Amino acid sequence: MKRPLWHLELVRTTDAPFDVVALALLEPQRTWHPRPGRSPLRVLSHTGDTLELAQTEAPCWGVQEEAIYRVEPHGDRLLLTYHARFKGWPVLLLMGYWRLKSHRIWERFVEGLG
């Protein structure tokens, strides 16, 4: 039997400058993230106005989280996208909790830009 798989995607916009957002997103201390983890972020793509990062983490025993963070222009604002894919049997018990803990991930991030 295959391991359960659950996807979570959160999308928001901000009017913060791209350079400020990119610098803050690349910081090793991710206090705005509900599961900051210990794995470093890998840069998948970084152009003048787009940044895409990936991270693979084990937030708890038996679960693997594959996350993609993307910042891109959206009109006169920036579009912030967090897409996570959780694999493992404990996901069945934890997905609701993680959804509740994560729903303000981008709001906490933007508040931290201060």
Protein backbone atom coordinates (compact mmCIF):
# COMPACT_ATOMS: atom_id res chain seq x y z
CA MET A 1 0.00 0.00 0.00
CA LYS A 2 1.29 3.46 -0.89
CA ARG A 3 2.05 6.06 1.76
CA PRO A 4 -0.55 8.84 2.13
CA LEU A 5 0.20 12.08 0.32
CA TRP A 6 -1.22 15.51 1.13
CA HIS A 7 -0.69 18.85 -0.64
CA LEU A 8 -0.93 22.29 0.89
CA GLU A 9 -0.71 25.52 -1.11
CA LEU A 10 -0.88 29.02 0.32
CA VAL A 11 -0.82 32.12 -1.90
CA ARG A 12 -0.70 35.78 -0.87
CA THR A 13 0.49 39.10 -2.29
CA THR A 14 2.60 41.89 -0.81
CA ASP A 15 3.69 45.35 -1.87
CA ALA A 16 7.15 44.91 -0.28
CA PRO A 17 10.13 45.39 -2.63
CA PHE A 18 11.47 42.22 -4.26
CA ASP A 19 15.00 42.64 -2.85
CA VAL A 20 13.69 42.90 0.72
CA VAL A 21 11.47 39.83 0.29
CA ALA A 22 14.23 37.77 -1.35
CA LEU A 23 16.75 38.62 1.37
CA ALA A 24 14.30 37.76 4.15
CA LEU A 25 13.29 34.50 2.48
CA LEU A 26 16.92 33.40 2.16
CA GLU A 27 17.64 34.02 5.87
CA PRO A 28 18.55 30.77 7.65
CA GLN A 29 16.39 31.70 10.67
CA ARG A 30 12.80 31.28 9.52
CA THR A 31 10.93 32.39 12.65
CA TRP A 32 7.81 33.08 10.57
CA HIS A 33 7.53 29.41 9.56
CA PRO A 34 5.50 27.09 11.83
CA ARG A 35 7.94 24.22 11.11
CA PRO A 36 11.23 26.03 10.35
CA GLY A 37 13.25 22.80 10.29
CA ARG A 38 16.96 22.39 9.96
CA SER A 39 17.35 21.74 6.25
CA PRO A 40 18.78 24.58 4.19
CA LEU A 41 16.78 26.16 1.41
CA ARG A 42 18.02 25.32 -2.09
CA VAL A 43 17.76 27.98 -4.79
CA LEU A 44 15.97 26.52 -7.81
CA SER A 45 15.70 29.78 -9.73
CA HIS A 46 16.74 33.37 -9.08
CA THR A 47 16.26 36.01 -11.75
CA GLY A 48 15.85 39.76 -11.45
CA ASP A 49 12.23 39.55 -10.27
CA THR A 50 11.59 35.87 -9.48
CA LEU A 51 12.89 33.62 -6.72
CA GLU A 52 12.11 29.93 -6.27
CA LEU A 53 13.42 27.92 -3.33
CA ALA A 54 13.00 24.28 -2.29
CA GLN A 55 13.40 22.44 0.97
CA THR A 56 13.03 18.81 2.00
CA GLU A 57 12.38 18.28 5.68
CA ALA A 58 11.24 15.60 8.11
CA PRO A 59 8.92 17.54 10.46
CA CYS A 60 8.21 14.39 12.48
CA TRP A 61 9.02 10.70 12.40
CA GLY A 62 7.66 9.00 9.29
CA VAL A 63 6.80 12.20 7.39
CA GLN A 64 8.67 13.88 4.56
CA GLU A 65 7.80 17.46 3.60
CA GLU A 66 8.86 18.77 0.20
CA ALA A 67 8.28 22.52 0.08
CA ILE A 68 8.57 25.08 -2.72
CA TYR A 69 8.61 28.82 -1.97
CA ARG A 70 8.11 31.14 -4.92
CA VAL A 71 8.16 34.94 -5.24
CA GLU A 72 7.17 36.50 -8.56
CA PRO A 73 5.71 39.75 -9.87
CA HIS A 74 1.94 40.06 -9.96
CA GLY A 75 0.92 43.43 -11.38
CA ASP A 76 2.33 46.09 -9.06
CA ARG A 77 2.70 43.57 -6.19
CA LEU A 78 4.60 40.35 -5.49
CA LEU A 79 2.91 36.96 -5.47
CA LEU A 80 4.11 34.71 -2.63
CA THR A 81 3.44 30.99 -3.07
CA TYR A 82 4.14 28.16 -0.65
CA HIS A 83 3.46 24.66 -1.93
CA ALA A 84 4.15 21.69 0.33
CA ARG A 85 3.81 17.99 -0.28
CA PHE A 86 3.66 15.78 2.80
CA LYS A 87 4.23 12.01 2.55
CA GLY A 88 3.84 9.40 5.29
CA TRP A 89 1.30 7.66 7.48
CA PRO A 90 1.32 10.26 10.30
CA VAL A 91 0.08 12.78 7.73
CA LEU A 92 -3.43 11.36 8.16
CA LEU A 93 -3.42 12.55 11.79
CA LEU A 94 -1.44 15.78 11.37
CA MET A 95 -2.69 17.40 8.15
CA GLY A 96 -5.49 19.35 9.83
CA TYR A 97 -3.15 20.63 12.53
CA TRP A 98 -0.51 21.65 9.98
CA ARG A 99 -3.15 23.42 7.89
CA LEU A 100 -4.23 25.46 10.93
CA LYS A 101 -0.64 26.25 11.93
CA SER A 102 0.38 27.21 8.37
CA HIS A 103 -2.59 29.27 7.18
CA ARG A 104 -0.89 32.57 8.17
CA ILE A 105 2.62 31.67 6.99
CA TRP A 106 2.89 34.57 4.53
CA GLU A 107 1.24 37.07 6.86
CA ARG A 108 3.85 36.26 9.54
CA PHE A 109 6.57 36.55 6.90
CA VAL A 110 5.43 40.00 5.73
CA GLU A 111 4.98 41.22 9.33
CA GLY A 112 8.60 40.23 9.98
CA LEU A 113 9.82 42.41 7.11
CA GLY A 114 8.85 45.42 9.28
